[in-house]
Amino acid sequence: MTVPLDDRVFRREMATAYRSGWHFIDLVTAIPHRGDSVMVTLFGEPILVVREEDEDVRAYRCLRRPRGAPKPVRCAIRYDMIFVNLDQRDHQLAGAPLTNTATPRSA
């Protein structure tokens, strides 16, 4: 694991990560090869973190509903640690209006 020379920078980045909704999952060394994955439960939601074929690390929220495809979750690697952000506001398109959707009971 690489730690910055200035420990204050590291502490500031960690405080920002936890305060902003980013959550530590594991070290990058937990998924060293293509196709490796880690499944964790974060706040009751199953999250799958995968090292893809292009060597990128991506995270997905696993839905339990029928026909529910995994939904991408924001994932970042800082100092060889994997962080995910489950905040739904973070996943909306910039400038998209916030709308409340509801399914009628008769549907």
N, C-alpha and C. Protein backbone atom coordinates (compact mmCIF):
# COMPACT_ATOMS: atom_id res chain seq x y z
N MET A 1 0.85 -1.17 0.00
CA MET A 1 0.00 0.00 0.00
C MET A 1 0.89 1.23 0.00
N THR A 2 0.55 2.20 -0.83
CA THR A 2 1.31 3.43 -0.92
C THR A 2 0.64 4.49 -0.06
N VAL A 3 1.41 5.06 0.86
CA VAL A 3 0.89 6.12 1.72
C VAL A 3 1.59 7.41 1.33
N PRO A 4 0.85 8.52 1.21
CA PRO A 4 1.48 9.76 0.82
C PRO A 4 2.53 10.19 1.85
N LEU A 5 3.50 10.98 1.39
CA LEU A 5 4.56 11.43 2.27
C LEU A 5 4.01 12.26 3.42
N ASP A 6 3.03 13.10 3.15
CA ASP A 6 2.45 13.95 4.17
C ASP A 6 1.23 13.25 4.77
N ASP A 7 1.32 12.82 6.01
CA ASP A 7 0.23 12.09 6.65
C ASP A 7 -1.03 12.95 6.79
N ARG A 8 -0.87 14.27 6.86
CA ARG A 8 -2.04 15.15 6.95
C ARG A 8 -2.90 15.05 5.70
N VAL A 9 -2.26 14.93 4.54
CA VAL A 9 -3.00 14.78 3.28
C VAL A 9 -3.82 13.50 3.30
N PHE A 10 -3.21 12.42 3.76
CA PHE A 10 -3.91 11.13 3.84
C PHE A 10 -5.10 11.22 4.78
N ARG A 11 -4.92 11.79 5.97
CA ARG A 11 -6.01 11.92 6.93
C ARG A 11 -7.12 12.80 6.38
N ARG A 12 -6.78 13.86 5.67
CA ARG A 12 -7.79 14.75 5.09
C ARG A 12 -8.58 14.02 4.01
N GLU A 13 -7.90 13.26 3.16
CA GLU A 13 -8.60 12.51 2.11
C GLU A 13 -9.50 11.44 2.71
N MET A 14 -9.05 10.75 3.74
CA MET A 14 -9.88 9.73 4.38
C MET A 14 -11.12 10.37 5.03
N ALA A 15 -10.94 11.51 5.68
CA ALA A 15 -12.09 12.19 6.30
C ALA A 15 -13.08 12.63 5.23
N THR A 16 -12.59 13.13 4.11
CA THR A 16 -13.47 13.54 3.02
C THR A 16 -14.20 12.35 2.44
N ALA A 17 -13.51 11.22 2.29
CA ALA A 17 -14.13 10.03 1.73
C ALA A 17 -15.27 9.54 2.61
N TYR A 18 -15.05 9.44 3.90
CA TYR A 18 -16.10 8.94 4.79
C TYR A 18 -17.25 9.94 4.92
N ARG A 19 -16.95 11.22 4.94
CA ARG A 19 -17.98 12.23 5.09
C ARG A 19 -18.85 12.34 3.83
N SER A 20 -18.29 12.08 2.67
CA SER A 20 -19.00 12.29 1.41
C SER A 20 -19.79 11.08 0.94
N GLY A 21 -19.86 10.02 1.72
CA GLY A 21 -20.64 8.85 1.33
C GLY A 21 -19.80 7.74 0.72
N TRP A 22 -18.50 7.92 0.62
CA TRP A 22 -17.63 6.87 0.11
C TRP A 22 -17.33 5.90 1.24
N HIS A 23 -17.35 4.60 0.93
CA HIS A 23 -17.14 3.57 1.94
C HIS A 23 -16.05 2.61 1.49
N PHE A 24 -15.15 2.29 2.41
CA PHE A 24 -14.04 1.38 2.15
C PHE A 24 -14.58 -0.04 2.00
N ILE A 25 -14.14 -0.73 0.95
CA ILE A 25 -14.55 -2.12 0.71
C ILE A 25 -13.43 -3.08 1.04
N ASP A 26 -12.28 -2.94 0.38
CA ASP A 26 -11.16 -3.86 0.59
C ASP A 26 -9.93 -3.28 -0.10
N LEU A 27 -8.81 -3.96 0.06
CA LEU A 27 -7.60 -3.57 -0.67
C LEU A 27 -7.67 -4.10 -2.09
N VAL A 28 -7.00 -3.44 -3.01
CA VAL A 28 -6.98 -3.86 -4.41
C VAL A 28 -6.37 -5.25 -4.54
N THR A 29 -5.49 -5.61 -3.63
CA THR A 29 -4.85 -6.93 -3.70
C THR A 29 -5.84 -8.08 -3.46
N ALA A 30 -7.05 -7.77 -3.00
CA ALA A 30 -8.07 -8.81 -2.81
C ALA A 30 -8.58 -9.34 -4.14
N ILE A 31 -8.44 -8.55 -5.20
CA ILE A 31 -8.87 -8.98 -6.54
C ILE A 31 -7.73 -8.73 -7.53
N PRO A 32 -6.68 -9.57 -7.47
CA PRO A 32 -5.47 -9.30 -8.25
C PRO A 32 -5.57 -9.61 -9.74
N HIS A 33 -6.42 -10.55 -10.14
CA HIS A 33 -6.44 -11.01 -11.54
C HIS A 33 -7.76 -10.68 -12.22
N ARG A 34 -7.73 -10.65 -13.54
CA ARG A 34 -8.97 -10.44 -14.32
C ARG A 34 -9.99 -11.49 -13.95
N GLY A 35 -11.23 -11.04 -13.76
CA GLY A 35 -12.31 -11.96 -13.44
C GLY A 35 -12.47 -12.20 -11.95
N ASP A 36 -11.51 -11.80 -11.13
CA ASP A 36 -11.65 -11.96 -9.68
C ASP A 36 -12.71 -10.99 -9.16
N SER A 37 -13.38 -11.38 -8.09
CA SER A 37 -14.43 -10.52 -7.54
C SER A 37 -14.52 -10.68 -6.03
N VAL A 38 -15.14 -9.70 -5.41
CA VAL A 38 -15.40 -9.71 -3.97
C VAL A 38 -16.85 -9.30 -3.80
N MET A 39 -17.61 -10.07 -3.00
CA MET A 39 -19.00 -9.73 -2.71
C MET A 39 -19.06 -9.28 -1.26
N VAL A 40 -19.61 -8.08 -1.05
CA VAL A 40 -19.77 -7.56 0.31
C VAL A 40 -21.20 -7.07 0.48
N THR A 41 -21.62 -6.97 1.72
CA THR A 41 -22.92 -6.40 2.03
C THR A 41 -22.67 -5.08 2.74
N LEU A 42 -23.20 -4.02 2.17
CA LEU A 42 -23.00 -2.68 2.71
C LEU A 42 -24.36 -2.06 2.95
N PHE A 43 -24.69 -1.81 4.21
CA PHE A 43 -25.99 -1.27 4.59
C PHE A 43 -27.12 -2.15 4.09
N GLY A 44 -26.93 -3.46 4.13
CA GLY A 44 -27.96 -4.40 3.74
C GLY A 44 -28.07 -4.62 2.24
N GLU A 45 -27.21 -4.00 1.46
CA GLU A 45 -27.24 -4.17 0.00
C GLU A 45 -26.03 -4.96 -0.45
N PRO A 46 -26.24 -6.03 -1.24
CA PRO A 46 -25.10 -6.78 -1.75
C PRO A 46 -24.40 -5.99 -2.85
N ILE A 47 -23.09 -5.85 -2.71
CA ILE A 47 -22.26 -5.12 -3.68
C ILE A 47 -21.21 -6.08 -4.20
N LEU A 48 -21.09 -6.16 -5.52
CA LEU A 48 -20.09 -7.00 -6.16
C LEU A 48 -19.02 -6.10 -6.74
N VAL A 49 -17.77 -6.32 -6.33
CA VAL A 49 -16.63 -5.56 -6.86
C VAL A 49 -15.82 -6.53 -7.71
N VAL A 50 -15.59 -6.16 -8.98
CA VAL A 50 -14.99 -7.06 -9.96
C VAL A 50 -13.81 -6.39 -10.65
N ARG A 51 -12.76 -7.18 -10.92
CA ARG A 51 -11.69 -6.70 -11.80
C ARG A 51 -12.07 -7.17 -13.19
N GLU A 52 -12.41 -6.23 -14.05
CA GLU A 52 -12.89 -6.53 -15.40
C GLU A 52 -11.75 -6.99 -16.31
N GLU A 53 -12.10 -7.40 -17.53
CA GLU A 53 -11.11 -7.87 -18.50
C GLU A 53 -10.12 -6.78 -18.90
N ASP A 54 -10.55 -5.50 -18.82
CA ASP A 54 -9.65 -4.40 -19.18
C ASP A 54 -8.83 -3.91 -17.98
N GLU A 55 -8.79 -4.73 -16.90
CA GLU A 55 -8.04 -4.48 -15.67
C GLU A 55 -8.63 -3.37 -14.80
N ASP A 56 -9.75 -2.77 -15.20
CA ASP A 56 -10.41 -1.78 -14.36
C ASP A 56 -11.19 -2.49 -13.25
N VAL A 57 -11.31 -1.82 -12.11
CA VAL A 57 -12.10 -2.35 -11.01
C VAL A 57 -13.44 -1.63 -11.02
N ARG A 58 -14.53 -2.39 -11.06
CA ARG A 58 -15.87 -1.81 -11.09
C ARG A 58 -16.73 -2.44 -10.01
N ALA A 59 -17.73 -1.69 -9.57
CA ALA A 59 -18.63 -2.19 -8.53
C ALA A 59 -20.05 -2.17 -9.05
N TYR A 60 -20.85 -3.14 -8.59
CA TYR A 60 -22.24 -3.26 -9.02
C TYR A 60 -23.13 -3.55 -7.82
N ARG A 61 -24.29 -2.93 -7.80
CA ARG A 61 -25.31 -3.22 -6.80
C ARG A 61 -26.11 -4.39 -7.35
N CYS A 62 -26.20 -5.47 -6.59
CA CYS A 62 -26.92 -6.66 -7.03
C CYS A 62 -28.37 -6.57 -6.57
N LEU A 63 -29.27 -6.54 -7.51
CA LEU A 63 -30.69 -6.44 -7.19
C LEU A 63 -31.28 -7.82 -7.01
N ARG A 64 -32.21 -7.93 -6.10
CA ARG A 64 -32.83 -9.22 -5.82
C ARG A 64 -34.17 -9.37 -6.52
N ARG A 65 -34.60 -8.32 -7.20
CA ARG A 65 -35.88 -8.39 -7.89
C ARG A 65 -35.77 -9.27 -9.13
N PRO A 66 -36.88 -9.84 -9.56
CA PRO A 66 -36.83 -10.60 -10.82
C PRO A 66 -36.42 -9.68 -11.97
N ARG A 67 -35.66 -10.22 -12.85
CA ARG A 67 -35.17 -9.50 -14.03
C ARG A 67 -34.31 -8.29 -13.65
N GLY A 68 -33.79 -8.27 -12.46
CA GLY A 68 -32.99 -7.13 -12.03
C GLY A 68 -31.53 -7.30 -12.44
N ALA A 69 -31.10 -6.50 -13.37
CA ALA A 69 -29.70 -6.54 -13.79
C ALA A 69 -28.86 -5.78 -12.77
N PRO A 70 -27.62 -6.18 -12.57
CA PRO A 70 -26.76 -5.44 -11.65
C PRO A 70 -26.63 -3.99 -12.10
N LYS A 71 -26.70 -3.07 -11.15
CA LYS A 71 -26.60 -1.65 -11.47
C LYS A 71 -25.22 -1.16 -11.06
N PRO A 72 -24.55 -0.40 -11.94
CA PRO A 72 -23.23 0.11 -11.61
C PRO A 72 -23.28 1.05 -10.40
N VAL A 73 -22.23 1.01 -9.62
CA VAL A 73 -22.06 1.87 -8.46
C VAL A 73 -20.74 2.60 -8.64
N ARG A 74 -20.69 3.85 -8.23
CA ARG A 74 -19.42 4.58 -8.34
C ARG A 74 -18.36 3.89 -7.52
N CYS A 75 -17.21 3.71 -8.12
CA CYS A 75 -16.11 2.99 -7.50
C CYS A 75 -14.83 3.78 -7.74
N ALA A 76 -14.00 3.90 -6.71
CA ALA A 76 -12.73 4.63 -6.84
C ALA A 76 -11.66 3.86 -6.08
N ILE A 77 -10.45 3.98 -6.59
CA ILE A 77 -9.30 3.37 -5.93
C ILE A 77 -8.38 4.50 -5.49
N ARG A 78 -8.14 4.57 -4.20
CA ARG A 78 -7.23 5.56 -3.63
C ARG A 78 -6.27 4.83 -2.72
N TYR A 79 -4.97 5.05 -2.92
CA TYR A 79 -3.94 4.44 -2.08
C TYR A 79 -4.12 2.93 -1.98
N ASP A 80 -4.42 2.29 -3.11
CA ASP A 80 -4.61 0.83 -3.20
C ASP A 80 -5.77 0.32 -2.36
N MET A 81 -6.74 1.17 -2.09
CA MET A 81 -7.95 0.77 -1.38
C MET A 81 -9.15 1.03 -2.29
N ILE A 82 -10.14 0.13 -2.24
CA ILE A 82 -11.34 0.25 -3.06
C ILE A 82 -12.43 0.92 -2.23
N PHE A 83 -13.01 1.97 -2.79
CA PHE A 83 -14.12 2.68 -2.16
C PHE A 83 -15.32 2.66 -3.10
N VAL A 84 -16.52 2.57 -2.56
CA VAL A 84 -17.74 2.69 -3.36
C VAL A 84 -18.62 3.77 -2.74
N ASN A 85 -19.48 4.35 -3.58
CA ASN A 85 -20.41 5.38 -3.13
C ASN A 85 -21.81 4.93 -3.49
N LEU A 86 -22.65 4.68 -2.49
CA LEU A 86 -24.01 4.19 -2.71
C LEU A 86 -25.03 5.32 -2.76
N ASP A 87 -24.62 6.55 -2.61
CA ASP A 87 -25.54 7.67 -2.59
C ASP A 87 -26.21 7.80 -3.96
N GLN A 88 -27.53 7.64 -4.01
CA GLN A 88 -28.27 7.69 -5.27
C GLN A 88 -28.14 9.04 -5.96
N ARG A 89 -28.03 10.12 -5.19
CA ARG A 89 -27.90 11.45 -5.79
C ARG A 89 -26.62 11.54 -6.60
N ASP A 90 -25.62 10.77 -6.21
CA ASP A 90 -24.34 10.79 -6.91
C ASP A 90 -24.44 10.11 -8.28
N HIS A 91 -25.45 9.26 -8.48
CA HIS A 91 -25.56 8.48 -9.71
C HIS A 91 -26.48 9.11 -10.73
N GLN A 92 -27.11 10.24 -10.40
CA GLN A 92 -27.99 10.88 -11.36
C GLN A 92 -27.18 11.71 -12.34
N LEU A 93 -27.71 11.86 -13.52
CA LEU A 93 -27.03 12.66 -14.53
C LEU A 93 -27.03 14.12 -14.12
N ALA A 94 -25.94 14.79 -14.41
CA ALA A 94 -25.83 16.21 -14.07
C ALA A 94 -26.89 16.99 -14.85
N GLY A 95 -27.60 17.84 -14.16
CA GLY A 95 -28.61 18.67 -14.81
C GLY A 95 -29.94 17.98 -15.01
N ALA A 96 -30.03 16.69 -14.69
CA ALA A 96 -31.31 15.98 -14.85
C ALA A 96 -32.25 16.39 -13.73
N PRO A 97 -33.51 16.66 -14.05
CA PRO A 97 -34.44 17.07 -13.00
C PRO A 97 -34.74 15.91 -12.06
N LEU A 98 -34.90 16.23 -10.80
CA LEU A 98 -35.26 15.22 -9.82
C LEU A 98 -36.76 14.95 -9.92
N THR A 99 -37.11 13.72 -10.20
CA THR A 99 -38.53 13.38 -10.33
C THR A 99 -38.86 12.26 -9.38
N ASN A 100 -40.04 12.30 -8.85
CA ASN A 100 -40.52 11.19 -8.01
C ASN A 100 -41.36 10.29 -8.89
N THR A 101 -40.98 9.03 -8.95
CA THR A 101 -41.74 8.09 -9.76
C THR A 101 -42.47 7.14 -8.83
N ALA A 102 -43.65 6.75 -9.25
CA ALA A 102 -44.45 5.82 -8.44
C ALA A 102 -45.12 4.84 -9.38
N THR A 103 -45.29 3.62 -8.92
CA THR A 103 -46.00 2.62 -9.69
C THR A 103 -47.41 2.48 -9.10
N PRO A 104 -48.44 2.64 -9.93
CA PRO A 104 -49.79 2.52 -9.41
C PRO A 104 -50.05 1.11 -8.88
N ARG A 105 -50.90 0.98 -7.90
CA ARG A 105 -51.19 -0.34 -7.31
C ARG A 105 -51.84 -1.28 -8.31
N SER A 106 -52.50 -0.75 -9.32
CA SER A 106 -53.17 -1.62 -10.29
C SER A 106 -52.21 -2.21 -11.30
N ALA A 107 -50.98 -1.75 -11.32
CA ALA A 107 -50.01 -2.23 -12.32
C ALA A 107 -49.53 -3.61 -12.00
